[in-house]
Amino acid sequence: MSVLASSTQPLLAARAYPERDGEAESRLDRWTLGKLLSVSAPAVLREHWRRTFMRRVDAAAADLAGLDDAALRRAARTAARRAYAVQAAVDGARALALVREAARRTLGLTPYPPQVYGAWQMLRGRLIELDTGEGKTLTAALAACVAALAGAPTHVVTVNDYLARRDAEEMGPLYAWFGLGVGVVHTGVAQAARAAEYARDITYCTNKDLVFDYLRDRVNGRGVRSLAQQSVRRLHDGSAGSEPARLRGLFFAIVDEADSILIDEARTPLILSSMREAGEGEQAFSELLAVAERLQPTEHFTLIGPQQIPELTKAGRRWLEAPPEDLVLEHCGEFWPVDWMREHYVQQALRALHVMRRDQHYVVVDGKVVIVDEFTGRLLPDRTWEQGLHQLVEAREGCAISGQNRTLARLTYQNFFARYLRLAGMSGTLKEVASELAAVYHARTVRIEPHRPCLRVTSDNLLLADKAAKQAAVADDVRLRLQQGQAVLVGTRSVRASLEISAALTAAGIRHRVLNALQNDEEAELVAQAGQPGAVTVATNMAGRGTDIKPHPAVLASGGLHVVLTEWHESARIDRQLFGRCARQGDPGTCRAIVALDDEVIQSHAAGAARWLSSRFALAGMPAWAVRLLRLIVQASAEAGNASQRRLTMQHDRQMRRQLAFSGIAE
């Protein structure tokens, strides 16, 4: 469902914070809507629509050569208002023809047909699957430009700080030519400066910063969204909140890497917290770890499911009720007598000991525990785990204990992005989750065919017995590709894995560079050099999305960039994103997955299938179909579990909203 730009002004007049109201839907309603909106038209018909639209664009462009800059700006504003409001193809074609001409004049770039057509689909509130390397940055800029010219405050949402800064800077001349202001919000932007950045016509921002700024608005405004509510609040206590609202509302969003933000990261709600005094209860956390160290696996606790969630057994609960006399519990008296509190904190201690892994889930920087984002591979220095887990990990690592968090507000990505009056997005990997996107966000997914055919050559998966054999095979593969003149990108799932592969390459005498959360500041320079002759880059998921590695002409002549995947991800979409770093825009490129039976993802999701296949076939002679079958089992199991977790998270969020509805505050 889309909201016309003409309806924006009444919304602004009536509401202080325009957004879509949450709708109460049954699971059957969502399932039905998801199926209906995920039905795709035949390829022949889609191609007919695309060609017809592009003919209209070209026809509209025929009259633009004689327009001076001022006339083109005036025409673009008029056409943009009609295109955004009415969404008629003829208006959209003219508006995009004008903006395309402006891009040619300001950026020296003439957008390709897939970029123009993709921008039109996003203006209609669609999610587009546009192959990696097809120029999503410019595609988003075309749509954002038309929407902003129409008067709709536009948020371009990216997955990390680097992309937000880069894209805003690269597209800045186009926006400036039209007189549009561009803001940028990321972790480095001061809190006091954010309202001014959101006040611009177009704001590039990261998904986490955007949601947390929204939650701060809700907390500071105490649920006030309408002008009438604000007036009552002012009469009551003289203000409408402790600080002015940062956002102007949720009008139009373009979500880059939409499947990562709207699907992969939607398993965990975002929680806005206030920090209590640091060091509070430091001894209690150390005592809890001591308790957890005494508990025996299987006898006292078990780790449940792929997520390895600790659960106490009956014997474990009895043990806690009467712990050994030599166990010191002097500082746990606040909660130890209460059964559920005692068990909760002990389970958190078990999680800190047995589940959370250094250089995978977190790193220690300057004596502080810093969370690593598992989806992007980046550090989250301003984030902490809740309910004592962060403090328990700090105690385990011998770091200073930070203050515990007090939850002020929480919100899931599902409920946040569904509130936009118009939501659009793009990614190279959307088809697998089109049904879920339609059900949750009421957005249809449209496939955009590439400008040039893909020349990527994908070798069969190589499955080896253990990590040591895998690392040796990776080193051999890298050496071979370097001899052929290719540049190589080696992808890993965690900081720890990147360091292990780096050590193996060093032992093999292969010079390389590492891009992970510990080298965050060097990202732009490392990406720029990754396509040079002889370059070998070992990277976490930081290089898996949004990075544009430009191979040197000599590398292209030798086969292009070669990508090595060293561990399957839980989703095939993430594997495709990494492979998408090579063979972009019709360039040559090669890729291969080299994995091991003892990889964590295989052991977590398909240990039984792995044992069965290895008993039936020798690894050296295992047929390609068997390896593909194992990969399918691993990723199908992981995706099913993650989808279930997302549904539970959304249901829990809705239950909390209903329980708090009487207070007028939804979060």
Foldseek 3Di string as FASTA:
>chain_A
DFAALVCVVVQVVWKQAAWADDDDDDPVLLLVLLVVQADDDDPVVVVVVLVVLVVLLVVLLVPVPPDDLVRLLVQLLVLLLCCLGVVDSNSLSNNLSSLQVLCCVFQVDRQDSLLSVLLSQVSVQFAEQAAFQQCVLVSVLSNLLSCLSSPFQEEEEEAAQVLLVVSCVSCVRSCVSSPFDEAEDHPVDDPVCQLVRQVTSYYYYYPLRVVLLVVQLCLQQVLGITPVVQVVVCVVPNGRGDDDRSHSYFAEYAYEQCCCQVAVQQLDKDFDWDFDAFPPLLVQLLLLLVLLVPDDEPQFWFQDALQRQIDGDPNNLVCLVPPDPVRDRPRVVVPSVPSVLVRVSSSLSNCLVPPDDEQFQWHADPLATWGADLQQQATDRPDADADCNRQSNSVVVVGGGTGHIDTSDIDGSLVVQLTHSRYYYYHNDDSVCQSVCCSRNVHRYHYRDGPDDFQEAEDFAAEAADDVVLLVVVLVVCVVLLVLFAFEEEEDRGSVVLVVSVVSNVVVVQDAEEEGNVPPVCVVVNLACRQETSYYYYYYSNCLPDRARDHDPSNLVSFYYEYEYEADDLAVSSVSSRSSNIRHPNTGYYYYYYYYCPPSLLCRFPNPLSVVQVVVDPSVPRDSVSVVVSSCRSNVRSSVVSVVSSVVSVVVLQVQQVVCVVSSRRD
